[in-house]
Protein backbone atom coordinates (compact mmCIF):
# COMPACT_ATOMS: atom_id res chain seq x y z
CA MET A 1 0.00 0.00 0.00
CA PRO A 2 1.50 3.44 -0.93
CA TYR A 3 2.08 6.01 1.81
CA SER A 4 -0.65 8.33 0.43
CA SER A 5 -3.25 5.57 0.82
CA PHE A 6 -1.96 4.92 4.33
CA ARG A 7 -2.41 8.64 5.19
CA GLU A 8 -5.94 8.60 3.75
CA GLU A 9 -6.91 5.63 5.90
CA GLU A 10 -5.29 7.20 8.96
CA LEU A 11 -7.16 10.50 8.45
CA PHE A 12 -10.38 8.60 7.86
CA LEU A 13 -10.03 6.75 11.20
CA ARG A 14 -9.14 9.96 13.09
CA ILE A 15 -12.23 11.71 11.75
CA LYS A 16 -14.34 8.87 13.14
CA TRP A 17 -12.54 9.30 16.46
CA PHE A 18 -13.32 13.06 16.31
CA ILE A 19 -17.03 12.23 15.89
CA ARG A 20 -16.95 10.04 19.01
CA LEU A 21 -15.15 12.80 20.90
CA ARG A 22 -17.97 15.22 20.01
CA TRP A 23 -20.51 12.96 21.74
CA ILE A 24 -18.45 13.27 24.91
CA PHE A 25 -18.40 17.06 24.47
CA LEU A 26 -22.21 17.18 24.26
CA ILE A 27 -22.52 15.20 27.50
CA GLY A 28 -20.02 17.57 29.12
CA LEU A 29 -21.99 20.57 27.80
CA ILE A 30 -25.22 19.38 29.41
CA PHE A 31 -23.41 18.65 32.69
CA THR A 32 -21.77 22.14 32.67
CA VAL A 33 -25.08 23.94 31.98
CA VAL A 34 -26.81 22.06 34.81
CA LEU A 35 -23.88 22.76 37.17
CA ALA A 36 -23.80 26.50 36.34
CA ASP A 37 -27.56 26.86 36.67
CA LYS A 38 -28.30 24.69 39.71
CA VAL A 39 -25.08 24.93 41.73
CA PHE A 40 -23.49 28.29 40.89
CA LYS A 41 -26.82 30.00 40.10
CA VAL A 42 -25.32 31.72 37.04
CA ALA A 43 -27.93 33.48 34.92
CA LEU A 44 -27.44 32.08 31.40
CA PRO A 45 -29.68 31.85 28.32
CA ILE A 46 -30.15 28.11 28.79
CA THR A 47 -32.47 27.79 25.81
CA SER A 48 -29.99 29.41 23.40
CA ILE A 49 -27.13 27.25 24.71
CA LEU A 50 -29.17 24.09 24.38
CA LEU A 51 -30.20 25.07 20.84
CA VAL A 52 -26.51 25.39 19.91
CA GLY A 53 -25.95 21.98 21.53
CA LEU A 54 -28.86 20.61 19.46
CA GLY A 55 -27.22 21.98 16.32
CA VAL A 56 -23.97 20.21 17.27
CA PHE A 57 -25.96 17.02 17.90
CA ILE A 58 -27.65 17.25 14.48
CA TYR A 59 -24.52 17.75 12.38
CA ASN A 60 -22.55 15.21 14.44
CA PHE A 61 -25.31 12.66 13.94
CA ALA A 62 -25.24 13.44 10.19
CA PHE A 63 -21.49 12.76 10.09
CA TYR A 64 -21.94 9.60 12.17
CA PHE A 65 -24.70 8.31 9.89
CA PHE A 66 -22.62 9.09 6.82
CA HIS A 67 -19.64 7.14 8.14
CA ALA A 68 -21.65 4.26 9.59
CA PHE A 69 -23.94 3.53 6.64
CA LEU A 70 -22.86 5.43 3.52
CA ARG A 71 -19.08 5.13 3.53
CA LYS A 72 -17.01 2.18 4.74
CA SER A 73 -13.52 3.33 3.80
CA SER A 74 -11.55 6.29 2.44
CA GLU A 75 -12.18 5.40 -1.20
CA GLU A 76 -12.99 9.01 -2.19
CA GLY A 77 -9.36 10.06 -1.82
CA ILE A 78 -7.50 12.23 0.63
CA GLY A 79 -8.88 15.48 -0.85
CA THR A 80 -12.48 14.56 0.03
CA VAL A 81 -11.52 13.31 3.50
CA ARG A 82 -9.58 16.50 4.27
CA PHE A 83 -12.48 18.63 3.06
CA GLU A 84 -14.73 16.79 5.52
CA ALA A 85 -12.18 17.32 8.32
CA ASN A 86 -12.05 21.08 7.57
CA LEU A 87 -15.85 21.23 7.49
CA GLN A 88 -16.19 19.51 10.85
CA ILE A 89 -13.60 21.76 12.53
CA SER A 90 -15.17 24.91 11.01
CA LEU A 91 -18.61 23.93 12.31
CA ASP A 92 -17.10 23.22 15.73
CA LEU A 93 -15.41 26.64 15.81
CA LEU A 94 -18.67 28.35 14.92
CA SER A 95 -20.56 26.35 17.57
CA MET A 96 -17.90 27.08 20.20
CA THR A 97 -18.00 30.82 19.40
CA LEU A 98 -21.79 30.83 19.83
CA LEU A 99 -21.52 28.96 23.13
CA ILE A 100 -18.85 31.42 24.38
CA HIS A 101 -21.08 34.33 23.30
CA PHE A 102 -24.07 32.97 25.26
CA SER A 103 -21.93 32.27 28.34
CA GLY A 104 -20.02 35.50 28.98
CA GLY A 105 -18.01 36.28 25.85
CA VAL A 106 -14.55 37.57 26.85
CA GLU A 107 -15.42 36.76 30.47
CA ASN A 108 -15.84 33.03 29.70
CA PRO A 109 -12.89 31.01 31.09
CA PHE A 110 -13.41 28.37 28.38
CA ILE A 111 -12.26 30.61 25.51
CA PHE A 112 -8.96 28.73 25.47
CA PHE A 113 -10.79 25.61 24.32
CA TYR A 114 -9.96 26.96 20.87
CA LEU A 115 -6.52 25.51 21.56
CA PHE A 116 -7.93 21.97 21.58
CA HIS A 117 -9.16 22.44 18.03
CA ALA A 118 -5.78 23.87 17.06
CA ILE A 119 -4.10 20.69 18.33
CA ILE A 120 -6.70 18.41 16.74
CA GLY A 121 -6.40 20.34 13.47
CA SER A 122 -2.62 19.87 13.53
CA ILE A 123 -3.19 16.11 13.73
CA LEU A 124 -5.83 15.95 11.01
CA LEU A 125 -4.85 18.70 8.55
CA SER A 126 -1.87 20.18 6.76
CA ARG A 127 0.00 23.11 8.30
CA ALA A 128 -1.59 25.64 5.93
CA GLU A 129 -5.09 24.36 6.67
CA VAL A 130 -4.48 24.54 10.44
CA TYR A 131 -3.38 28.18 10.16
CA LEU A 132 -6.53 28.95 8.16
CA GLN A 133 -8.66 27.30 10.85
CA GLY A 134 -6.80 29.33 13.52
CA LEU A 135 -7.47 32.50 11.57
CA LEU A 136 -11.16 31.54 11.33
CA ALA A 137 -11.30 31.06 15.12
CA VAL A 138 -9.71 34.47 15.77
CA VAL A 139 -12.03 36.20 13.27
CA LEU A 140 -15.15 34.58 14.71
CA PHE A 141 -14.22 35.35 18.32
CA SER A 142 -13.12 38.94 17.53
CA ALA A 143 -16.25 39.58 15.47
CA PHE A 144 -18.59 38.47 18.26
CA VAL A 145 -16.61 40.40 20.89
CA ALA A 146 -16.72 43.53 18.72
CA LEU A 147 -20.45 43.15 18.12
CA GLU A 148 -20.97 42.78 21.88
CA TYR A 149 -18.70 45.75 22.59
CA PHE A 150 -20.60 48.05 20.23
CA GLY A 151 -23.96 46.76 21.45
CA VAL A 152 -25.03 45.16 18.19
CA ILE A 153 -25.72 41.88 19.99
CA PRO A 154 -26.35 41.42 23.71
CA HIS A 155 -23.57 40.57 26.15
CA TYR A 156 -24.36 37.93 28.77
CA HIS A 157 -22.46 39.06 31.87
CA LEU A 158 -21.21 36.45 34.35
CA VAL A 159 -22.25 38.29 37.50
CA LYS A 160 -21.05 35.65 39.95
CA PHE A 161 -17.54 35.66 38.49
CA PHE A 162 -17.05 39.23 37.27
CA PRO A 163 -18.48 41.94 39.59
CA GLY A 164 -17.89 44.61 36.98
CA ASP A 165 -18.82 44.44 33.31
CA SER A 166 -15.48 43.69 31.63
CA GLN A 167 -17.04 43.79 28.18
CA GLY A 168 -17.13 47.60 28.31
CA ASN A 169 -13.41 47.82 29.04
CA TRP A 170 -11.78 48.13 25.63
CA LEU A 171 -8.31 47.53 27.05
CA TYR A 172 -9.37 44.26 28.69
CA VAL A 173 -11.16 43.12 25.52
CA GLY A 174 -8.17 43.96 23.37
CA VAL A 175 -5.72 42.17 25.65
CA VAL A 176 -7.90 39.03 25.74
CA CYS A 177 -8.16 38.99 21.94
CA LEU A 178 -4.44 39.58 21.56
CA VAL A 179 -3.47 36.90 24.11
CA LEU A 180 -5.89 34.41 22.53
CA THR A 181 -4.50 35.11 19.05
CA ALA A 182 -0.87 34.81 20.19
CA THR A 183 -1.55 31.66 22.20
CA LEU A 184 -3.57 30.09 19.44
CA PHE A 185 -1.01 30.64 16.69
CA THR A 186 1.88 29.67 18.98
CA THR A 187 0.07 26.44 19.77
CA ILE A 188 -0.58 25.85 16.07
CA PHE A 189 3.08 26.46 15.25
CA MET A 190 4.36 24.13 17.96
CA SER A 191 1.84 21.33 17.45
CA SER A 192 2.04 21.42 13.64
CA THR A 193 5.85 21.41 13.77
CA ILE A 194 5.83 18.40 16.06
CA VAL A 195 3.20 16.61 13.96
CA GLN A 196 5.02 17.38 10.70
CA GLY A 197 8.23 15.96 12.17
CA LEU A 198 6.36 12.86 13.28
CA ARG A 199 4.82 12.52 9.81
CA VAL A 200 8.25 12.71 8.19
CA ARG A 201 9.49 9.96 10.50
CA GLU A 202 6.29 8.02 9.95
CA LYS A 203 6.80 8.22 6.19
CA GLU A 204 10.41 7.11 6.55
CA LEU A 205 9.33 4.20 8.76
CA PHE A 206 6.58 3.32 6.28
CA GLU A 207 9.03 3.34 3.38
CA THR A 208 11.56 1.35 5.44
CA ARG A 209 8.86 -1.18 6.28
CA GLY A 210 8.01 -1.43 2.58
CA ILE A 211 11.67 -2.05 1.74
CA LEU A 212 11.97 -4.66 4.49
CA GLN A 213 8.75 -6.31 3.36
CA LYS A 214 10.02 -6.41 -0.24
CA LYS A 215 13.33 -7.88 0.92
CA SER A 216 11.44 -10.41 3.03
CA GLU A 217 9.36 -11.42 0.01
CA ASP A 218 12.51 -11.62 -2.13
CA LEU A 219 14.17 -13.73 0.55
CA ALA A 220 11.15 -16.04 0.77
CA GLU A 221 11.16 -16.39 -3.03
CA ALA A 222 14.91 -17.05 -3.01
CA ASN A 223 14.44 -19.66 -0.28
CA LEU A 224 11.73 -21.32 -2.33
CA LYS A 225 13.97 -21.38 -5.40
CA LEU A 226 16.85 -22.66 -3.28
CA LEU A 227 14.63 -25.44 -1.92
CA GLU A 228 13.55 -26.27 -5.46
CA LYS A 229 17.15 -26.36 -6.66
CA GLN A 230 18.13 -28.45 -3.66
CA LYS A 231 15.44 -31.03 -4.41
CA GLN A 232 16.39 -30.98 -8.07
CA LEU A 233 20.02 -31.47 -7.09
CA VAL A 234 19.11 -34.40 -4.84
CA GLN A 235 17.02 -35.84 -7.65
CA SER A 236 19.88 -35.30 -10.11
CA GLU A 237 22.35 -36.98 -7.76
CA LYS A 238 19.96 -39.92 -7.39
CA LEU A 239 19.61 -40.14 -11.15
CA ALA A 240 23.38 -39.86 -11.57
CA SER A 241 23.95 -42.68 -9.07
CA LEU A 242 21.20 -44.70 -10.69
CA GLY A 243 22.74 -44.00 -14.06
CA GLN A 244 26.12 -45.33 -12.93
CA LEU A 245 24.44 -48.40 -11.44
CA VAL A 246 22.40 -49.00 -14.62
CA SER A 247 25.45 -48.49 -16.77
CA GLY A 248 27.41 -51.06 -14.75
CA ILE A 249 24.56 -53.58 -14.78
CA ALA A 250 24.03 -53.03 -18.50
CA HIS A 251 27.71 -53.71 -19.11
CA GLU A 252 27.56 -56.93 -17.08
CA ILE A 253 24.43 -58.09 -18.92
CA ASN A 254 25.83 -57.14 -22.29
CA ASN A 255 28.72 -59.64 -22.08
CA PRO A 256 26.61 -62.82 -21.77
CA VAL A 257 24.18 -61.44 -24.38
CA GLN A 258 27.07 -61.12 -26.80
CA PHE A 259 28.00 -64.74 -26.05
CA ILE A 260 24.41 -65.80 -26.83
CA LEU A 261 24.31 -63.84 -30.09
CA GLY A 262 27.70 -65.14 -31.12
CA ASN A 263 27.05 -68.80 -30.23
CA ILE A 264 23.55 -68.93 -31.70
CA HIS A 265 25.03 -68.65 -35.19
CA ILE A 266 27.34 -71.56 -34.41
CA PHE A 267 24.33 -73.62 -33.32
CA LYS A 268 22.52 -72.78 -36.55
CA GLU A 269 25.50 -73.83 -38.69
CA ALA A 270 26.00 -76.99 -36.60
CA PHE A 271 22.40 -78.13 -37.01
CA GLU A 272 22.49 -77.36 -40.73
CA GLY A 273 25.34 -79.92 -40.95
CA ILE A 274 23.78 -82.47 -38.59
CA PHE A 275 20.26 -82.50 -40.00
CA PRO A 276 21.10 -84.46 -43.22
CA ILE A 277 22.66 -87.24 -41.13
CA LEU A 278 19.74 -87.29 -38.72
CA ASP A 279 17.26 -87.26 -41.60
CA GLU A 280 18.84 -90.40 -43.05
CA TYR A 281 18.91 -92.06 -39.64
CA ALA A 282 15.28 -91.11 -38.91
CA VAL A 283 14.10 -92.86 -42.09
CA SER A 284 15.25 -96.21 -40.73
CA HIS A 285 14.31 -95.34 -37.18
CA PRO A 286 10.86 -93.67 -37.30
CA ASP A 287 10.57 -93.64 -33.47
CA LEU A 288 13.58 -91.35 -33.10
CA THR A 289 13.00 -88.54 -30.54
CA LEU A 290 15.05 -85.53 -29.53
CA ALA A 291 14.32 -83.57 -26.34
CA ARG A 292 11.28 -85.87 -25.89
CA LEU A 293 9.88 -84.65 -29.22
CA LYS A 294 9.35 -86.59 -32.42
CA TYR A 295 12.34 -85.97 -34.62
CA PHE A 296 10.53 -84.46 -37.61
CA PHE A 297 8.47 -82.14 -35.30
CA PHE A 298 11.71 -81.16 -33.58
CA ARG A 299 13.43 -80.56 -36.95
CA GLU A 300 10.57 -78.33 -38.12
CA HIS A 301 10.45 -76.11 -35.05
CA LEU A 302 14.11 -75.90 -34.05
CA PRO A 303 14.98 -73.09 -36.54
CA VAL A 304 12.01 -71.09 -35.16
CA LEU A 305 13.27 -71.57 -31.61
CA LEU A 306 16.78 -70.48 -32.57
CA ASN A 307 15.43 -67.38 -34.36
CA ASP A 308 13.31 -66.49 -31.31
CA ILE A 309 16.39 -66.81 -29.08
CA ALA A 310 18.35 -64.59 -31.47
CA LYS A 311 15.58 -61.98 -31.59
CA GLY A 312 15.22 -61.99 -27.80
CA ALA A 313 18.94 -61.53 -27.32
CA GLU A 314 18.93 -58.76 -29.95
CA ARG A 315 16.13 -57.01 -28.08
CA ILE A 316 18.06 -57.26 -24.81
CA ARG A 317 21.09 -55.76 -26.55
CA ASN A 318 19.01 -52.83 -27.87
CA ILE A 319 17.49 -52.18 -24.44
CA ILE A 320 20.96 -52.20 -22.90
CA ALA A 321 22.20 -49.74 -25.55
CA ASP A 322 19.21 -47.44 -24.83
CA LEU A 323 19.80 -47.69 -21.08
CA LYS A 324 23.47 -46.82 -21.50
CA THR A 325 22.51 -43.87 -23.70
CA PHE A 326 19.88 -42.64 -21.24
CA ALA A 327 22.09 -43.19 -18.18
CA ARG A 328 25.19 -41.46 -19.48
CA ARG A 329 26.24 -38.43 -17.42
CA ASP A 330 24.71 -35.09 -18.40
CA GLU A 331 27.50 -32.52 -18.69
CA GLY A 332 25.09 -29.64 -19.30
CA ARG A 333 26.03 -29.29 -22.96
CA LEU A 334 23.38 -28.09 -25.39
CA ASP A 335 25.40 -28.32 -28.58
CA GLU A 336 24.58 -31.86 -29.72
CA GLU A 337 22.46 -32.70 -32.74
CA VAL A 338 19.26 -34.41 -31.60
CA ASP A 339 16.77 -36.43 -33.64
CA LEU A 340 13.42 -36.18 -31.88
CA ASN A 341 12.13 -39.22 -33.80
CA GLU A 342 14.92 -41.32 -32.31
CA VAL A 343 14.27 -39.79 -28.88
CA ALA A 344 10.62 -40.91 -29.14
CA ARG A 345 11.64 -44.45 -30.16
CA ILE A 346 14.22 -44.81 -27.37
CA CYS A 347 11.73 -43.67 -24.74
CA GLN A 348 9.12 -46.12 -26.02
CA ARG A 349 11.58 -49.00 -25.82
CA LEU A 350 12.64 -48.05 -22.29
CA LEU A 351 9.02 -47.73 -21.16
CA TYR A 352 7.80 -50.83 -23.01
CA ASN A 353 6.68 -52.58 -19.83
CA LYS A 354 4.68 -49.51 -18.72
CA ILE A 355 2.95 -48.83 -22.03
CA LYS A 356 2.66 -52.34 -23.51
CA ARG A 357 -1.02 -52.65 -22.53
CA LEU A 358 -1.81 -49.35 -24.30
CA LYS A 359 -2.29 -48.63 -27.97
CA VAL A 360 0.66 -46.46 -29.01
CA GLU A 361 0.39 -44.72 -32.41
CA GLU A 362 3.37 -43.11 -34.10
CA ASP A 363 3.11 -40.40 -36.70
CA LEU A 364 6.75 -39.39 -37.09
CA ASP A 365 7.89 -37.11 -39.88
CA PRO A 366 10.70 -38.96 -41.73
CA ASN A 367 12.13 -35.60 -42.88
CA LEU A 368 12.08 -34.05 -39.42
CA ALA A 369 14.74 -31.39 -38.92
CA ARG A 370 17.30 -31.91 -36.19
CA VAL A 371 17.41 -29.75 -33.10
CA GLN A 372 20.44 -28.58 -31.14
CA GLY A 373 20.55 -29.38 -27.45
CA SER A 374 20.95 -32.18 -24.96
CA PRO A 375 19.57 -35.58 -26.00
CA ILE A 376 19.55 -36.71 -22.36
CA LYS A 377 17.39 -33.79 -21.24
CA LEU A 378 15.01 -34.09 -24.19
CA GLU A 379 14.69 -37.82 -23.53
CA GLN A 380 13.82 -36.90 -19.92
CA VAL A 381 11.06 -34.58 -21.21
CA VAL A 382 9.53 -37.16 -23.56
CA MET A 383 9.87 -40.00 -21.05
CA GLY A 384 8.20 -37.96 -18.30
CA THR A 385 5.34 -37.03 -20.61
CA LEU A 386 4.84 -40.67 -21.68
CA ILE A 387 4.84 -41.79 -18.04
CA ASN A 388 2.24 -39.14 -17.15
CA ALA A 389 0.09 -40.23 -20.10
CA ALA A 390 0.37 -43.92 -19.12
CA GLU A 391 -0.58 -43.15 -15.52
CA ALA A 392 -3.55 -41.07 -16.67
CA LEU A 393 -4.75 -44.12 -18.66
CA ALA A 394 -4.24 -46.59 -15.79
CA ASP A 395 -7.96 -47.32 -15.42
CA ARG A 396 -8.90 -47.15 -19.11
CA PRO A 397 -9.15 -50.49 -20.95
CA GLU A 398 -8.93 -48.76 -24.35
CA GLY A 399 -6.20 -46.31 -23.48
CA ALA A 400 -4.25 -44.85 -26.39
CA ILE A 401 -1.18 -42.64 -26.76
CA ARG A 402 -0.32 -40.81 -29.96
CA ILE A 403 3.12 -39.36 -30.76
CA ILE A 404 3.43 -36.85 -33.61
CA THR A 405 6.49 -35.00 -34.92
CA ARG A 406 6.35 -32.26 -37.54
CA ASN A 407 8.42 -29.49 -39.08
CA GLU A 408 7.07 -25.96 -38.61
CA ASP A 409 7.60 -22.53 -40.15
CA GLY A 410 9.25 -23.96 -43.23
CA GLY A 411 11.72 -26.04 -41.23
CA LYS A 412 12.70 -23.26 -38.82
CA SER A 413 11.27 -25.16 -35.89
CA VAL A 414 9.93 -28.60 -35.01
CA ARG A 415 7.29 -29.90 -32.67
CA ILE A 416 6.68 -33.15 -30.88
CA ALA A 417 3.17 -33.72 -29.54
CA ILE A 418 2.18 -36.49 -27.12
CA SER A 419 -1.55 -37.08 -26.70
CA ASP A 420 -3.65 -39.43 -24.61
CA ASN A 421 -7.37 -40.13 -24.37
CA GLY A 422 -7.38 -39.96 -20.57
CA PRO A 423 -9.63 -37.96 -18.24
CA GLY A 424 -7.99 -34.62 -19.04
CA ILE A 425 -6.81 -31.83 -16.74
CA THR A 426 -9.04 -29.28 -15.01
CA GLU A 427 -8.43 -25.59 -15.65
CA GLU A 428 -7.41 -25.07 -12.02
CA VAL A 429 -4.78 -27.82 -12.20
CA LYS A 430 -3.70 -26.69 -15.68
CA ARG A 431 -2.75 -23.25 -14.30
CA LYS A 432 -0.47 -24.85 -11.68
CA ILE A 433 1.07 -27.88 -13.41
CA PHE A 434 4.42 -26.17 -14.03
CA ASP A 435 4.68 -24.75 -10.48
CA PRO A 436 7.47 -26.34 -8.43
CA PHE A 437 6.26 -28.95 -5.92
CA PHE A 438 2.69 -28.93 -7.25
CA THR A 439 1.47 -32.51 -7.69
CA THR A 440 -1.78 -34.44 -7.84
CA LYS A 441 0.05 -37.69 -7.00
CA GLN A 442 0.95 -37.18 -3.33
CA ARG A 443 -0.27 -40.65 -2.40
CA SER A 444 1.81 -42.32 -5.08
CA GLY A 445 4.97 -40.41 -4.14
CA GLY A 446 4.84 -37.54 -6.63
CA THR A 447 7.36 -34.76 -5.92
CA GLY A 448 5.81 -32.05 -8.08
CA LEU A 449 9.14 -31.46 -9.83
CA GLY A 450 8.60 -33.44 -13.06
CA LEU A 451 6.76 -30.84 -15.12
CA SER A 452 8.66 -28.02 -13.42
CA ILE A 453 11.91 -29.59 -14.63
CA THR A 454 10.34 -30.20 -18.05
CA TYR A 455 9.44 -26.51 -18.27
CA GLY A 456 13.00 -25.54 -17.37
CA ILE A 457 14.50 -27.92 -19.97
CA ILE A 458 12.28 -26.63 -22.79
CA GLU A 459 12.99 -23.04 -21.78
CA GLU A 460 16.71 -23.87 -21.70
CA HIS A 461 16.38 -25.09 -25.30
CA HIS A 462 14.63 -21.80 -26.23
CA GLY A 463 11.36 -23.61 -26.87
CA ARG A 464 7.82 -23.35 -25.56
CA ILE A 465 5.10 -25.69 -24.32
CA GLU A 466 1.43 -25.85 -25.22
CA VAL A 467 -1.06 -27.83 -23.15
CA GLU A 468 -4.50 -28.70 -24.48
CA SER A 469 -6.91 -30.68 -22.37
CA ASP A 470 -10.53 -31.72 -22.72
CA PRO A 471 -12.25 -34.08 -20.26
CA ALA A 472 -13.96 -35.76 -23.21
CA GLN A 473 -10.87 -36.17 -25.43
CA GLY A 474 -7.81 -36.25 -23.16
CA THR A 475 -4.65 -34.19 -22.97
CA THR A 476 -1.98 -33.12 -25.47
CA PHE A 477 1.46 -31.77 -24.56
CA THR A 478 3.15 -30.08 -27.52
CA TYR A 479 6.81 -29.06 -27.36
CA HIS A 480 8.01 -26.49 -29.91
CA LEU A 481 11.78 -26.31 -30.40
CA PRO A 482 13.92 -24.31 -32.82
CA ALA A 483 15.59 -26.36 -35.54
CA LYS A 484 19.37 -26.56 -35.51
CA GLY A 485 20.91 -23.28 -36.54
CA GLN A 486 17.70 -21.30 -35.88
CA PRO A 487 17.21 -18.71 -33.09
CA GLY A 488 14.96 -19.67 -30.20
CA GLU A 489 11.56 -18.23 -29.39
């Protein structure tokens, strides 16, 4: 909140306090009139005084009603609020002058109550406005005293307190007016100077508080980013350790697989040489069995078995190669040439067990332009998206995933889109999916970092992400990346 708005609200609250203070004044006025009339037996125009009090009651009630029911805050601006403050003080000065007139004029010991309004004005108004209110008080008081002195209006003499009529003594009247004026403006000067100094310090404190609040918010944001980076670092270290473990296991598995692939060809050649001899022997021995199978059935199916073994071993070798590729250490380089079609194929092979029950459709552009970046990071993006799609289709018997790659803008950029026919994403979730630590999978151990990391990777590659979701059709994540040699978005 700016300091000006703070001052408006402060002035607004003090005006309401001033209204409450006026109720106390009216009670004190009634008590004073009763005391003067019944105890001190002072002859006063009670009716006139009470009429002035009624006028104060009416305009104070009007201000109270306005604040209580018509205005709830200082939305009109500080100019309107200060105008109201000036109006209230002016009405009070006029009412006080009338009350002083009806209760002795210059003989009234309460004439210095003008000082209270000078102090209150210094709190509510600017220095210039306070001086104008002080001038108004002096003019009103002097005008009534002069009118009483020249007999234009009656003077109500306080007989009990002043044996002689002081109103007819021009020297006494002049001294009272002069002392009141000097005291009033001295009070205004002192109180407004103190208040202005306090306002300067208040403004400095307000600005300092704003700076501290901004620094606190920046610190909280920095702590949040630090926590995010820390979790990402922990995750990266886990992945790095897992990568080393996978790489070592893959190497150990690869050796016996190579033995299988190498020896299977020897078996094929050996059986090709043995079969003619066995065929001749089986003619004279029709009951010949091998591996508890009739010979001719065995001879027919053995090549199929050997081919299946070779294909299985070949598949293991490909999976190991993909694992070694995926698990290799990321050095943060973004200068490699990446084929997004190959990235999609590798991720499908690695996630075969997770997506095998789903229908996976490929629509890959054979002439897809290459992109420049990190194949490891882009594989992480595609793999994470495929995992999310598979998990969204966990309860769907006819779940389907579609992967599309295309060139865009005449080959200046490429896109890879991964769609599923799952339940879709709500608009509320859609607005938060890239926020760090936001997850809808708390029960299944989700960290809320997957899509946040994805967003960072795509941004690092100068790309952008589009998310389309419809509860009736599913969700599509589209990643747009600049082609190699093209500037990013």
